[in-house]
Amino acid sequence: MPTTHFLGIDLGTSFLKLQVIDAAGAAVAAAGAPVPWRVPRPGWAEQDPAAWWAALGAACRDLFAPGGVDPHSIAAVGLSGQMHGAVFLDGAGAVLRPCLIWADARTAVQVGQIAERVPRDTLIGITGNAANTGFTAPKVLWVRQHEPEIYARTRHILLPKDSLRLRLTGGYATDVSDASTTLLFDLARRDWSPALLAACDIAPGLLPPVHESAAGMGAITGEAAAATGLRAGTPVVAGGGDAECSAFGLGLVGDADSAGAVLTSIGTSGQVFAVTARPVIDPQGRIHSLCHVVPDRWHVMGAILAGGLALRWLRAILTPPGDPPPEYDALTAEAAPIPAGADGLIFLPYLQGERTPHMDPQARGVFFGLRSDHTRAHLVRAVMEGVVFALRDGLEVFRALGIAPAEMRVAGGGARSPLWRQIQRDVFELPVCATAADHGAAYGAALLAAVGAGAFATAADAARAVPLGARTAPAPAQVAAYDAVYRRYRRLYPALRAEFAAD
């Protein structure tokens, strides 16, 4: 008999990743494939679900190539993915239009319509969140109003990862963590909100059944097996949103072992994340309160729209046409000798608008304090610092709500960069801890599959299998320098808010 393995699939915005773990939780193999996305107009962001399926097939071919993982060893599959998207399908399950993904901000009018139909306090009280252009509900309203012929044919609306589940299993389903990011979900009941569906005039039958994240949700079909190489009949669990799976894969389950630990993730976007034993809601709506992938656990999350995206944007505009872009490691090596605060240069990373804490789709990126002696290295350092300052905004809201972080566990591309880890350590004034090997949301999805298949009795048991790396303490001198810069950073958005709105 082959060794028992579990597979996690993470549908990221720019990359689809596969992670295989063994029954003890050790990572044994990985593969992936890029995923394209497009911006048809400023503020819009779309992806073709067919490209997701193609990326999954390519990644599986790599993973299961001769000498690689034996697909018959995969005992269960877990799914993770980007949140807030909206995939519209007809009665046969065919995709009707490109997915409006999380970064799409075309729905300001629809956000206003939701505010007219549902008082802000009521909406936050039910969902844990204020209305925002990134969420699924306003995307549904936009399609209904601007593409009525598409909406008339729509019989199912799925979140991105769940459209992959449909292709894999033939079943319509979602999980509590991803569903809680739609603005149509009752946070405390962990189910769809009849009141909000009625207020938005969305038929309940358009949305899939909701399940806890480790619950079994179908099995690989023969057609999917032929396309991916997976064994037909392999169970698939519900899975979770990418932020929740990343946190689970870093051991954050809300038990004594992870008390006081907060996740910070810098991928394309960025998040700060803390697990709670009950729903914790910010009456001002500056952060997101969502369901965790662990039963009877919730979490708060500060989300920014441009994390690694900001550094990728800078790299692109600094690269002459026709030249290969510099490696990220080379750019961060240039920036490392620049002192904390980038010699007076501050960057607001609002390239896609911003969520936490401003919830302002009209916010824009800004370099403040440019001088003639600033170099490319200063620009890189300022962008990296600006992303972390934006994440600290979310952390400050946590603290105001009585959540007291004791350490920061880092994930995403920011975890692999020594400079970004150092900046986070000193800006947050918290010890930073990475897993011994950061495998991201795909690892957390694989752990959920292992829990669902019975390899671990509980989610807490699975979390204890996560190997943690060394903790690095903040440097007092750097902390003091960053505190001064951060205070100035905090003053810039209020000073510019009216100008952003006038754009």
Protein backbone atom coordinates (compact mmCIF):
# COMPACT_ATOMS: atom_id res chain seq x y z
CA MET A 1 0.00 0.00 0.00
CA PRO A 2 1.32 3.51 -0.80
CA THR A 3 2.04 6.00 1.96
CA THR A 4 -1.04 8.02 2.95
CA HIS A 5 -0.94 11.63 1.78
CA PHE A 6 -3.31 14.60 1.79
CA LEU A 7 -3.51 17.28 -0.90
CA GLY A 8 -4.23 20.98 -0.42
CA ILE A 9 -5.23 23.15 -3.38
CA ASP A 10 -4.95 26.92 -2.97
CA LEU A 11 -6.43 29.10 -5.71
CA GLY A 12 -4.49 32.34 -5.31
CA THR A 13 -4.96 35.50 -7.32
CA SER A 14 -1.71 35.13 -9.23
CA PHE A 15 -0.76 31.51 -8.60
CA LEU A 16 -2.45 28.18 -7.92
CA LYS A 17 -0.47 26.05 -5.49
CA LEU A 18 -0.66 22.38 -4.55
CA GLN A 19 0.75 21.07 -1.28
CA VAL A 20 1.01 17.42 -0.27
CA ILE A 21 1.49 16.43 3.38
CA ASP A 22 1.81 13.07 5.09
CA ALA A 23 -0.34 11.72 7.91
CA ALA A 24 1.88 13.42 10.51
CA GLY A 25 1.45 16.84 8.90
CA ALA A 26 4.89 17.03 7.27
CA ALA A 27 5.07 18.69 3.87
CA VAL A 28 6.39 16.26 1.26
CA ALA A 29 5.77 17.81 -2.17
CA ALA A 30 4.44 20.93 -3.88
CA ALA A 31 3.61 22.18 -7.34
CA GLY A 32 1.88 25.16 -8.87
CA ALA A 33 0.96 27.15 -11.93
CA PRO A 34 0.43 30.87 -12.64
CA VAL A 35 -3.08 32.29 -12.94
CA PRO A 36 -3.69 35.36 -15.16
CA TRP A 37 -6.01 38.17 -14.22
CA ARG A 38 -7.02 41.26 -16.11
CA VAL A 39 -8.12 44.83 -15.46
CA PRO A 40 -10.63 45.70 -18.20
CA ARG A 41 -11.05 49.21 -16.78
CA PRO A 42 -9.45 51.11 -13.90
CA GLY A 43 -10.78 49.67 -10.65
CA TRP A 44 -12.05 46.46 -12.26
CA ALA A 45 -10.47 43.04 -11.78
CA GLU A 46 -11.58 39.77 -13.38
CA GLN A 47 -10.43 36.21 -13.92
CA ASP A 48 -11.65 33.45 -16.19
CA PRO A 49 -12.58 30.33 -14.16
CA ALA A 50 -11.44 28.24 -17.14
CA ALA A 51 -7.93 29.52 -16.43
CA TRP A 52 -8.21 28.25 -12.85
CA TRP A 53 -9.10 24.76 -14.08
CA ALA A 54 -6.28 24.86 -16.63
CA ALA A 55 -3.82 25.89 -13.89
CA LEU A 56 -5.01 23.04 -11.66
CA GLY A 57 -4.50 20.55 -14.48
CA ALA A 58 -1.00 21.87 -15.20
CA ALA A 59 -0.02 21.79 -11.52
CA CYS A 60 -1.36 18.24 -11.10
CA ARG A 61 0.57 17.02 -14.14
CA ASP A 62 3.72 18.37 -12.55
CA LEU A 63 2.90 16.91 -9.13
CA PHE A 64 2.00 13.47 -10.44
CA ALA A 65 4.73 13.23 -13.07
CA PRO A 66 6.83 10.04 -13.08
CA GLY A 67 8.97 10.04 -9.96
CA GLY A 68 6.58 12.42 -8.19
CA VAL A 69 3.63 11.82 -5.90
CA ASP A 70 1.50 8.74 -6.49
CA PRO A 71 -2.09 10.02 -6.90
CA HIS A 72 -3.36 6.76 -5.36
CA SER A 73 -1.67 7.82 -2.11
CA ILE A 74 -3.92 10.90 -1.80
CA ALA A 75 -6.51 10.01 0.86
CA ALA A 76 -8.39 13.34 0.77
CA VAL A 77 -8.27 16.78 -0.84
CA GLY A 78 -8.79 20.19 0.78
CA LEU A 79 -9.57 23.45 -1.01
CA SER A 80 -8.53 27.01 -0.24
CA GLY A 81 -8.76 30.16 -2.28
CA GLN A 82 -9.11 33.87 -2.75
CA MET A 83 -12.23 35.21 -1.08
CA HIS A 84 -15.11 37.57 -2.06
CA GLY A 85 -15.33 36.65 -5.74
CA ALA A 86 -18.53 35.87 -7.65
CA VAL A 87 -18.77 33.13 -10.28
CA PHE A 88 -22.08 33.09 -12.19
CA LEU A 89 -23.23 29.76 -13.63
CA ASP A 90 -26.26 28.53 -15.53
CA GLY A 91 -28.36 25.50 -14.67
CA ALA A 92 -25.86 23.14 -16.29
CA GLY A 93 -22.96 24.59 -14.31
CA ALA A 94 -21.48 26.51 -17.26
CA VAL A 95 -19.72 29.77 -16.42
CA LEU A 96 -21.64 32.79 -17.79
CA ARG A 97 -19.03 35.55 -17.44
CA PRO A 98 -15.57 36.16 -15.98
CA CYS A 99 -15.39 36.14 -12.19
CA LEU A 100 -15.41 39.51 -10.45
CA ILE A 101 -12.59 38.91 -7.97
CA TRP A 102 -11.83 40.45 -4.57
CA ALA A 103 -9.81 43.34 -6.05
CA ASP A 104 -12.71 44.54 -8.21
CA ALA A 105 -13.98 47.93 -6.98
CA ARG A 106 -16.61 48.81 -9.60
CA THR A 107 -19.49 48.41 -7.16
CA ALA A 108 -19.52 51.69 -5.23
CA VAL A 109 -23.11 52.42 -6.34
CA GLN A 110 -24.24 48.97 -5.23
CA VAL A 111 -22.55 49.41 -1.85
CA GLY A 112 -24.64 52.56 -1.47
CA GLN A 113 -27.79 50.63 -2.39
CA ILE A 114 -27.08 48.04 0.28
CA ALA A 115 -26.61 50.87 2.80
CA GLU A 116 -30.02 52.25 1.83
CA ARG A 117 -31.69 48.86 2.30
CA VAL A 118 -29.92 47.71 5.46
CA PRO A 119 -28.94 50.12 8.26
CA ARG A 120 -25.19 50.08 8.82
CA ASP A 121 -25.48 48.93 12.44
CA THR A 122 -27.79 46.09 11.42
CA LEU A 123 -25.46 44.96 8.63
CA ILE A 124 -22.40 44.99 10.88
CA GLY A 125 -24.35 43.25 13.64
CA ILE A 126 -25.37 40.37 11.36
CA THR A 127 -22.29 39.95 9.18
CA GLY A 128 -19.54 41.48 11.34
CA ASN A 129 -18.63 43.71 8.41
CA ALA A 130 -19.48 47.04 6.85
CA ALA A 131 -20.45 47.15 3.17
CA ASN A 132 -17.44 47.31 0.88
CA THR A 133 -16.87 47.08 -2.85
CA GLY A 134 -14.70 44.00 -2.41
CA PHE A 135 -17.47 41.78 -1.04
CA THR A 136 -19.59 39.37 -3.05
CA ALA A 137 -23.06 40.88 -2.44
CA PRO A 138 -22.49 44.18 -4.29
CA LYS A 139 -20.92 42.22 -7.17
CA VAL A 140 -24.14 40.23 -7.50
CA LEU A 141 -26.16 43.45 -7.58
CA TRP A 142 -23.83 44.95 -10.19
CA VAL A 143 -24.25 42.00 -12.56
CA ARG A 144 -28.03 42.04 -12.07
CA GLN A 145 -28.20 45.74 -12.91
CA HIS A 146 -25.60 45.98 -15.68
CA GLU A 147 -25.85 42.53 -17.28
CA PRO A 148 -29.50 41.53 -16.77
CA GLU A 149 -29.33 38.93 -19.52
CA ILE A 150 -26.51 37.16 -17.64
CA TYR A 151 -28.33 37.37 -14.34
CA ALA A 152 -31.55 36.01 -15.86
CA ARG A 153 -29.65 32.87 -16.87
CA THR A 154 -27.88 32.52 -13.52
CA ARG A 155 -28.86 29.51 -11.41
CA HIS A 156 -25.81 29.27 -9.15
CA ILE A 157 -23.37 31.79 -7.65
CA LEU A 158 -20.14 30.36 -6.27
CA LEU A 159 -17.01 31.64 -4.59
CA PRO A 160 -13.81 31.01 -6.58
CA LYS A 161 -12.53 27.89 -4.82
CA ASP A 162 -16.01 26.39 -4.91
CA SER A 163 -16.10 26.61 -8.70
CA LEU A 164 -13.05 24.32 -8.64
CA ARG A 165 -14.95 22.01 -6.27
CA LEU A 166 -17.78 21.86 -8.80
CA ARG A 167 -15.35 20.78 -11.53
CA LEU A 168 -13.75 18.23 -9.20
CA THR A 169 -16.84 16.70 -7.60
CA GLY A 170 -19.89 17.86 -9.55
CA GLY A 171 -21.34 19.27 -6.30
CA TYR A 172 -22.36 22.76 -5.19
CA ALA A 173 -21.09 23.60 -1.70
CA THR A 174 -19.11 26.13 0.30
CA ASP A 175 -17.68 26.46 3.81
CA VAL A 176 -18.40 28.80 6.70
CA SER A 177 -15.18 30.83 6.43
CA ASP A 178 -15.50 31.68 2.73
CA ALA A 179 -19.26 32.24 2.96
CA SER A 180 -18.76 34.72 5.80
CA THR A 181 -16.88 37.00 3.37
CA THR A 182 -19.90 37.60 1.12
CA LEU A 183 -21.89 40.17 3.17
CA LEU A 184 -24.84 37.75 2.99
CA PHE A 185 -23.92 35.57 5.99
CA ASP A 186 -25.07 35.48 9.60
CA LEU A 187 -21.80 35.38 11.52
CA ALA A 188 -23.19 34.05 14.80
CA ARG A 189 -25.46 31.40 13.18
CA ARG A 190 -22.76 30.34 10.71
CA ASP A 191 -25.28 30.22 7.86
CA TRP A 192 -26.79 32.42 5.15
CA SER A 193 -28.88 35.33 6.47
CA PRO A 194 -32.50 35.19 5.22
CA ALA A 195 -32.92 38.87 6.14
CA LEU A 196 -29.95 40.02 4.04
CA LEU A 197 -30.85 37.81 1.09
CA ALA A 198 -34.34 39.32 1.16
CA ALA A 199 -33.00 42.87 1.47
CA CYS A 200 -30.73 42.34 -1.56
CA ASP A 201 -33.49 40.43 -3.42
CA ILE A 202 -31.16 37.45 -3.97
CA ALA A 203 -32.93 34.11 -4.23
CA PRO A 204 -31.56 31.72 -1.55
CA GLY A 205 -31.38 28.91 -4.11
CA LEU A 206 -28.64 30.76 -6.00
CA LEU A 207 -26.21 30.14 -3.13
CA PRO A 208 -24.72 26.75 -2.20
CA PRO A 209 -25.20 24.86 1.08
CA VAL A 210 -22.72 25.83 3.82
CA HIS A 211 -20.62 23.35 5.80
CA GLU A 212 -17.84 23.36 8.39
CA SER A 213 -14.43 23.34 6.78
CA ALA A 214 -13.29 19.76 7.50
CA ALA A 215 -16.61 18.21 6.46
CA GLY A 216 -16.61 15.90 3.46
CA MET A 217 -18.16 17.51 0.39
CA GLY A 218 -18.15 14.94 -2.39
CA ALA A 219 -15.45 13.01 -4.21
CA ILE A 220 -13.36 13.28 -7.37
CA THR A 221 -15.43 12.32 -10.42
CA GLY A 222 -14.17 10.18 -13.28
CA GLU A 223 -14.11 13.22 -15.57
CA ALA A 224 -12.07 15.23 -13.04
CA ALA A 225 -9.74 12.27 -12.52
CA ALA A 226 -9.02 12.16 -16.25
CA ALA A 227 -8.27 15.90 -16.29
CA THR A 228 -6.12 16.08 -13.15
CA GLY A 229 -4.64 12.62 -12.54
CA LEU A 230 -6.31 12.37 -9.13
CA ARG A 231 -7.90 9.04 -8.27
CA ALA A 232 -11.66 8.91 -8.91
CA GLY A 233 -13.52 8.62 -5.61
CA THR A 234 -10.95 10.57 -3.56
CA PRO A 235 -12.89 12.52 -0.86
CA VAL A 236 -12.89 16.33 -0.97
CA VAL A 237 -13.50 18.39 2.19
CA ALA A 238 -15.17 21.80 2.30
CA GLY A 239 -11.94 23.75 2.88
CA GLY A 240 -11.73 27.46 3.62
CA GLY A 241 -10.72 30.94 2.60
CA ASP A 242 -7.04 31.56 1.96
CA ALA A 243 -6.49 33.75 5.02
CA GLU A 244 -8.17 31.23 7.30
CA CYS A 245 -6.27 28.29 5.83
CA SER A 246 -2.98 30.19 6.13
CA ALA A 247 -3.71 30.87 9.79
CA PHE A 248 -4.69 27.25 10.40
CA GLY A 249 -1.48 26.15 8.70
CA LEU A 250 0.45 28.36 11.12
CA GLY A 251 -1.20 26.72 14.13
CA LEU A 252 -3.77 29.44 14.91
CA VAL A 253 -6.83 27.61 16.24
CA GLY A 254 -7.65 29.66 19.34
CA ASP A 255 -6.45 27.11 21.91
CA ALA A 256 -3.92 27.56 24.71
CA ASP A 257 -0.99 26.72 22.42
CA SER A 258 -1.74 29.61 20.06
CA ALA A 259 -3.09 32.16 22.56
CA GLY A 260 -1.90 35.65 21.71
CA ALA A 261 -0.53 34.65 18.31
CA VAL A 262 -1.59 36.84 15.39
CA LEU A 263 -1.05 36.07 11.72
CA THR A 264 0.29 38.60 9.28
CA SER A 265 0.30 37.62 5.62
CA ILE A 266 1.80 39.51 2.70
CA GLY A 267 0.87 37.92 -0.60
CA THR A 268 -0.72 39.82 -3.47
CA SER A 269 -2.83 41.52 -0.82
CA GLY A 270 -2.18 41.49 2.93
CA GLN A 271 -3.91 40.58 6.17
CA VAL A 272 -3.56 40.64 9.93
CA PHE A 273 -5.60 37.93 11.62
CA ALA A 274 -6.47 36.87 15.18
CA VAL A 275 -8.65 33.93 16.32
CA THR A 276 -11.44 34.53 18.84
CA ALA A 277 -13.73 32.24 20.84
CA ARG A 278 -16.77 34.36 19.95
CA PRO A 279 -17.62 36.90 17.26
CA VAL A 280 -15.79 40.17 17.94
CA ILE A 281 -17.31 43.01 15.94
CA ASP A 282 -15.97 46.52 15.40
CA PRO A 283 -18.97 48.89 15.48
CA GLN A 284 -17.08 51.24 13.14
CA GLY A 285 -16.65 48.52 10.52
CA ARG A 286 -12.90 49.09 10.10
CA ILE A 287 -11.98 45.40 10.15
CA HIS A 288 -13.61 42.15 9.04
CA SER A 289 -15.10 39.67 11.51
CA LEU A 290 -15.44 36.23 9.95
CA CYS A 291 -15.83 32.52 10.72
CA HIS A 292 -12.68 30.48 11.19
CA VAL A 293 -12.11 27.03 9.65
CA VAL A 294 -12.22 25.59 13.19
CA PRO A 295 -15.71 24.84 14.58
CA ASP A 296 -16.91 27.31 17.24
CA ARG A 297 -14.11 29.73 16.42
CA TRP A 298 -14.21 33.08 14.71
CA HIS A 299 -11.57 35.62 13.78
CA VAL A 300 -10.96 39.28 13.14
CA MET A 301 -9.01 40.35 10.10
CA GLY A 302 -7.56 43.61 8.89
CA ALA A 303 -7.24 43.43 5.10
CA ILE A 304 -5.23 45.61 2.74
CA LEU A 305 -5.60 45.42 -1.02
CA ALA A 306 -1.98 45.93 -2.09
CA GLY A 307 0.67 43.89 -0.28
CA GLY A 308 3.15 42.19 -2.57
CA LEU A 309 1.15 43.77 -5.41
CA ALA A 310 2.70 47.12 -4.48
CA LEU A 311 6.26 45.81 -4.79
CA ARG A 312 5.39 44.05 -8.05
CA TRP A 313 3.96 47.31 -9.40
CA LEU A 314 7.09 49.22 -8.43
CA ARG A 315 9.35 46.63 -10.02
CA ALA A 316 7.36 46.82 -13.24
CA ILE A 317 7.51 50.60 -13.58
CA LEU A 318 11.22 50.71 -12.74
CA THR A 319 12.07 48.13 -15.43
CA PRO A 320 12.93 49.64 -18.86
CA PRO A 321 10.82 48.24 -21.73
CA GLY A 322 12.37 45.07 -23.13
CA ASP A 323 14.62 44.47 -20.12
CA PRO A 324 14.09 41.54 -17.75
CA PRO A 325 12.79 42.70 -14.38
CA PRO A 326 15.25 42.52 -11.47
CA GLU A 327 14.85 39.69 -9.00
CA TYR A 328 12.93 40.63 -5.87
CA ASP A 329 15.85 39.47 -3.73
CA ALA A 330 18.11 41.89 -5.58
CA LEU A 331 15.72 44.78 -4.97
CA THR A 332 15.33 44.04 -1.27
CA ALA A 333 19.11 43.64 -0.93
CA GLU A 334 19.47 47.17 -2.32
CA ALA A 335 16.87 48.44 0.15
CA ALA A 336 18.30 46.71 3.24
CA PRO A 337 21.06 49.31 3.97
CA ILE A 338 18.57 52.20 3.77
CA PRO A 339 17.69 53.30 7.33
CA ALA A 340 14.27 52.72 8.88
CA GLY A 341 11.93 55.36 7.52
CA ALA A 342 13.59 55.44 4.08
CA ASP A 343 15.23 58.82 4.74
CA GLY A 344 11.88 60.61 4.95
CA LEU A 345 10.12 58.84 2.07
CA ILE A 346 6.66 57.45 2.91
CA PHE A 347 4.41 55.36 0.67
CA LEU A 348 0.64 54.95 0.95
CA PRO A 349 -0.05 51.56 -0.69
CA TYR A 350 -3.61 52.31 -1.81
CA LEU A 351 -3.11 51.30 -5.45
CA GLN A 352 -6.46 49.44 -5.56
CA GLY A 353 -8.28 51.64 -3.02
CA GLU A 354 -8.14 50.39 0.55
CA ARG A 355 -10.04 48.38 3.10
CA THR A 356 -8.76 48.40 6.69
CA PRO A 357 -9.21 50.82 8.30
CA HIS A 358 -10.48 53.32 5.71
CA MET A 359 -12.89 51.17 3.63
CA ASP A 360 -12.34 53.66 0.81
CA PRO A 361 -12.30 52.43 -2.82
CA GLN A 362 -11.27 55.92 -3.95
CA ALA A 363 -8.04 56.00 -1.92
CA ARG A 364 -4.93 56.10 -4.11
CA GLY A 365 -1.24 55.32 -3.80
CA VAL A 366 1.07 58.17 -2.83
CA PHE A 367 4.81 58.72 -2.47
CA PHE A 368 5.26 61.49 0.11
CA GLY A 369 8.51 63.28 0.82
CA LEU A 370 10.43 62.58 -2.43
CA ARG A 371 13.80 64.30 -2.70
CA SER A 372 16.43 64.42 -5.41
CA ASP A 373 18.81 62.25 -3.36
CA HIS A 374 16.32 59.37 -3.11
CA THR A 375 17.26 56.30 -5.13
CA ARG A 376 15.58 53.16 -6.36
CA ALA A 377 16.54 51.55 -3.07
CA HIS A 378 14.64 54.24 -1.17
CA LEU A 379 11.54 53.63 -3.29
CA VAL A 380 11.71 49.90 -2.60
CA ARG A 381 12.22 50.40 1.13
CA ALA A 382 9.37 52.91 1.33
CA VAL A 383 6.97 50.56 -0.49
CA MET A 384 7.84 47.65 1.81
CA GLU A 385 7.45 49.86 4.89
CA GLY A 386 4.18 51.35 3.61
CA VAL A 387 2.64 47.90 3.26
CA VAL A 388 3.58 47.06 6.86
CA PHE A 389 2.29 50.43 8.13
CA ALA A 390 -1.04 49.62 6.44
CA LEU A 391 -1.10 46.26 8.23
CA ARG A 392 -0.32 47.96 11.54
CA ASP A 393 -3.47 50.06 11.04
CA GLY A 394 -5.42 46.81 11.37
CA LEU A 395 -3.40 45.70 14.37
CA GLU A 396 -4.20 48.97 16.14
CA VAL A 397 -7.92 48.31 15.64
CA PHE A 398 -7.44 44.85 17.22
CA ARG A 399 -5.82 46.46 20.23
CA ALA A 400 -8.66 48.96 20.54
CA LEU A 401 -11.12 46.03 20.63
CA GLY A 402 -9.25 44.41 23.51
CA ILE A 403 -7.23 41.86 21.51
CA ALA A 404 -3.68 41.85 22.85
CA PRO A 405 -1.19 40.22 20.44
CA ALA A 406 1.82 38.48 21.97
CA GLU A 407 3.61 37.38 18.80
CA MET A 408 3.27 37.66 15.05
CA ARG A 409 3.36 34.55 12.86
CA VAL A 410 4.24 35.54 9.33
CA ALA A 411 3.10 33.98 6.05
CA GLY A 412 3.11 34.68 2.33
CA GLY A 413 5.89 36.24 0.30
CA GLY A 414 6.56 38.61 3.18
CA ALA A 415 7.59 35.64 5.31
CA ARG A 416 10.29 34.63 2.82
CA SER A 417 11.90 38.07 2.73
CA PRO A 418 14.33 38.70 5.62
CA LEU A 419 13.89 42.45 5.19
CA TRP A 420 10.11 42.27 5.25
CA ARG A 421 10.24 40.07 8.37
CA GLN A 422 12.54 42.61 10.03
CA ILE A 423 10.30 45.55 9.11
CA GLN A 424 7.24 43.72 10.48
CA ARG A 425 9.02 42.84 13.71
CA ASP A 426 9.96 46.46 14.37
CA VAL A 427 6.85 48.23 13.06
CA PHE A 428 4.53 45.91 15.05
CA GLU A 429 6.87 45.89 18.10
CA LEU A 430 6.22 42.15 18.42
CA PRO A 431 8.33 39.03 18.16
CA VAL A 432 8.07 37.49 14.71
CA CYS A 433 7.82 33.74 14.20
CA ALA A 434 7.67 31.87 10.92
CA THR A 435 6.91 28.21 10.47
CA ALA A 436 9.98 26.11 9.87
CA ALA A 437 8.85 26.07 6.22
CA ASP A 438 6.02 28.39 5.17
CA HIS A 439 3.69 26.53 2.81
CA GLY A 440 0.82 29.00 2.98
CA ALA A 441 -2.88 28.36 2.51
CA ALA A 442 -2.37 25.14 0.51
CA TYR A 443 -0.75 23.58 3.58
CA GLY A 444 -3.69 24.60 5.77
CA ALA A 445 -6.10 23.13 3.20
CA ALA A 446 -4.16 19.85 3.26
CA LEU A 447 -4.34 19.82 7.08
CA LEU A 448 -8.12 20.27 6.86
CA ALA A 449 -8.26 17.29 4.50
CA ALA A 450 -6.28 15.27 7.05
CA VAL A 451 -8.69 16.27 9.84
CA GLY A 452 -11.67 15.40 7.66
CA ALA A 453 -10.18 11.98 6.86
CA GLY A 454 -9.51 11.23 10.53
CA ALA A 455 -5.70 11.47 10.50
CA PHE A 456 -6.08 13.97 13.37
CA ALA A 457 -8.86 13.76 15.92
CA THR A 458 -9.33 17.53 16.14
CA ALA A 459 -8.19 20.72 14.46
CA ALA A 460 -6.12 21.52 17.55
CA ASP A 461 -4.28 18.21 17.19
CA ALA A 462 -3.50 19.07 13.57
CA ALA A 463 -2.26 22.53 14.53
CA ARG A 464 0.18 21.04 17.02
CA ALA A 465 1.82 19.19 14.12
CA VAL A 466 2.85 22.52 12.54
CA PRO A 467 6.63 23.04 13.01
CA LEU A 468 7.44 26.57 14.12
CA GLY A 469 10.70 28.37 13.49
CA ALA A 470 12.70 30.69 15.71
CA ARG A 471 11.17 33.82 17.27
CA THR A 472 12.97 37.09 16.56
CA ALA A 473 12.51 39.96 19.00
CA PRO A 474 12.09 43.58 17.86
CA ALA A 475 15.06 45.98 18.01
CA PRO A 476 14.30 48.91 20.35
CA ALA A 477 16.10 51.54 18.26
CA GLN A 478 14.25 50.47 15.11
CA VAL A 479 10.93 50.39 16.99
CA ALA A 480 11.40 54.00 18.11
CA ALA A 481 12.31 55.11 14.58
CA TYR A 482 9.29 53.42 13.07
CA ASP A 483 6.89 54.76 15.69
CA ALA A 484 7.78 58.29 14.63
CA VAL A 485 7.36 57.52 10.93
CA TYR A 486 4.11 55.65 11.53
CA ARG A 487 2.59 58.65 13.33
CA ARG A 488 3.30 60.74 10.24
CA TYR A 489 1.98 58.00 7.97
CA ARG A 490 -1.29 58.00 9.94
CA ARG A 491 -1.76 61.73 9.31
CA LEU A 492 -1.47 61.48 5.52
CA TYR A 493 -4.73 59.69 4.63
CA PRO A 494 -6.99 62.12 6.57
CA ALA A 495 -5.16 65.02 4.92
CA LEU A 496 -5.71 63.56 1.44
CA ARG A 497 -9.14 61.95 1.78
CA ALA A 498 -11.04 64.83 0.22
CA GLU A 499 -8.63 64.93 -2.70
CA PHE A 500 -9.08 61.18 -3.28
CA ALA A 501 -12.87 61.67 -3.30
CA ALA A 502 -12.54 64.48 -5.87
CA ASP A 503 -10.73 62.24 -8.35
